[in-house]
Protein backbone atom coordinates (compact mmCIF):
# COMPACT_ATOMS: atom_id res chain seq x y z
CA MET A 1 43.27 114.08 85.63
CA GLU A 2 41.39 116.35 83.19
CA ASN A 3 38.95 119.12 83.98
CA ARG A 4 35.92 120.13 81.82
CA THR A 5 38.05 122.17 79.41
CA GLY A 6 40.24 119.18 78.59
CA GLN A 7 43.31 120.60 80.33
CA HIS A 8 45.33 118.48 82.72
CA TRP A 9 44.96 119.42 86.34
CA LYS A 10 48.07 119.35 88.52
CA PRO A 11 47.09 118.54 92.12
CA SER A 12 49.96 120.49 93.75
CA VAL A 13 53.45 121.81 93.35
CA MET A 14 54.60 119.03 95.67
CA SER A 15 54.08 116.40 92.98
CA GLY A 16 56.70 117.84 90.57
CA TRP A 17 60.43 118.40 90.63
CA LEU A 18 59.97 121.69 92.48
CA GLY A 19 58.14 119.90 95.27
CA SER A 20 60.88 117.29 95.50
CA LEU A 21 63.52 120.03 95.71
CA LEU A 22 61.53 121.77 98.44
CA LEU A 23 61.31 118.55 100.46
CA VAL A 24 65.08 117.99 100.14
CA VAL A 25 65.82 121.55 101.31
CA LEU A 26 63.47 121.19 104.30
CA ALA A 27 65.03 117.84 105.22
CA LEU A 28 68.54 119.32 105.07
CA LEU A 29 67.50 122.23 107.28
CA ALA A 30 66.05 119.83 109.82
CA VAL A 31 69.18 117.64 109.85
CA GLU A 32 71.61 120.58 110.01
CA GLY A 33 69.81 122.24 112.94
CA GLY A 34 68.33 125.09 110.94
CA PRO A 35 65.24 127.01 112.05
CA ILE A 36 63.06 123.94 111.55
CA GLY A 37 65.31 121.52 113.47
CA GLY A 38 66.13 123.88 116.33
CA LEU A 39 69.01 126.15 117.26
CA ARG A 40 72.50 125.06 118.24
CA ASP A 41 74.61 126.57 120.98
CA VAL A 42 77.61 127.81 118.98
CA TRP A 43 79.99 130.74 119.23
CA ALA A 44 79.59 133.53 116.73
CA GLN A 45 81.66 132.77 113.66
CA PRO A 46 83.06 135.18 111.08
CA ALA A 47 81.25 135.33 107.75
CA GLY A 48 82.18 132.37 105.58
CA SER A 49 83.30 130.22 108.52
CA THR A 50 82.17 126.61 108.45
CA SER A 51 82.99 125.73 112.06
CA ASN A 52 80.28 123.95 114.00
CA ALA A 53 82.27 123.76 117.23
CA ARG A 54 80.19 123.89 120.40
CA ALA A 55 81.05 126.32 123.16
CA MET A 56 81.61 124.60 126.52
CA GLN A 57 82.64 125.92 129.90
CA GLY A 58 84.17 124.68 133.09
CA GLU A 59 87.00 124.88 135.58
CA ILE A 60 90.56 123.90 134.78
CA THR A 61 91.43 121.03 137.10
CA ALA A 62 94.94 120.31 135.74
CA ARG A 63 97.29 121.23 132.90
CA GLN A 64 100.66 119.96 131.74
CA GLY A 65 101.98 121.44 128.50
CA TYR A 66 99.26 121.15 125.87
CA ASP A 67 97.30 118.54 127.85
CA ILE A 68 94.55 120.05 129.96
CA ARG A 69 91.76 118.81 132.18
CA ILE A 70 88.56 120.82 132.45
CA ASN A 71 86.03 119.52 134.98
CA HIS A 72 88.30 116.43 135.22
CA GLN A 73 87.77 115.72 131.49
CA ALA A 74 91.00 115.39 129.45
CA TYR A 75 91.53 117.56 126.36
CA THR A 76 94.45 118.52 124.16
CA LEU A 77 95.14 122.11 123.17
CA ARG A 78 95.84 122.66 119.48
CA ARG A 79 99.42 123.93 119.01
CA ALA A 80 98.03 127.15 117.50
CA VAL A 81 95.37 127.52 120.22
CA ILE A 82 93.90 130.99 120.68
CA ILE A 83 94.01 131.99 124.35
CA LYS A 84 92.34 135.22 125.50
CA ASP A 85 90.39 136.62 128.39
CA ASP A 86 86.68 137.42 128.34
CA GLU A 87 87.45 140.98 127.22
CA GLY A 88 89.45 139.78 124.20
CA ARG A 89 92.94 140.45 125.56
CA PRO A 90 95.57 137.84 124.57
CA LYS A 91 96.63 135.38 127.26
CA SER A 92 99.27 132.63 127.36
CA LEU A 93 99.50 128.99 128.43
CA ALA A 94 100.73 130.25 131.83
CA ASP A 95 97.27 131.78 132.41
CA LEU A 96 95.63 128.34 132.14
CA THR A 97 96.04 127.37 135.80
CA PRO A 98 93.97 125.02 137.96
CA GLY A 99 90.95 126.80 139.37
CA ALA A 100 90.57 129.16 136.39
CA MET A 101 87.11 129.25 134.84
CA VAL A 102 87.13 128.97 131.05
CA THR A 103 84.90 128.84 128.03
CA PHE A 104 86.32 126.78 125.17
CA GLN A 105 85.50 125.10 121.93
CA VAL A 106 86.70 121.75 120.62
CA LYS A 107 87.31 121.40 116.91
CA GLN A 108 88.49 118.16 115.33
CA GLY A 109 89.15 116.65 118.76
CA GLN A 110 91.31 119.49 120.13
CA ILE A 111 90.64 122.80 121.85
CA ASP A 112 91.26 125.50 119.26
CA GLU A 113 90.09 128.50 121.30
CA ILE A 114 89.89 129.02 125.04
CA VAL A 115 88.68 132.08 126.94
CA VAL A 116 89.76 132.66 130.54
CA VAL A 117 86.82 134.13 132.47
CA MET A 118 88.26 136.80 134.74
CA PRO A 119 86.83 137.10 138.27
CA ARG A 120 84.59 140.12 138.75
């Protein structure tokens, strides 16, 4: 389209490569749960971490070795699982007893971190 001076008129930035790039970025943000797609419930991660593990909570209903049931749902603890209490103090497998309330995250099908919530 030409205007009166003979120059071509560009209807918008969206019609060029910059517009296409902008649409791709916005689509990726929406798919990845960025500010456009909504917020995810995740634990705080150190800078540079790529974990998207969701934080879940419940009551331990059984445990044998590295197999654990939380709210009657079966999980496996990763061999290098991080176990701590809600104040950050290290805990052991022995602290994961039935009746204990926990917050945990599953990564690649196994629990990689579990926090024992101490009674107040």
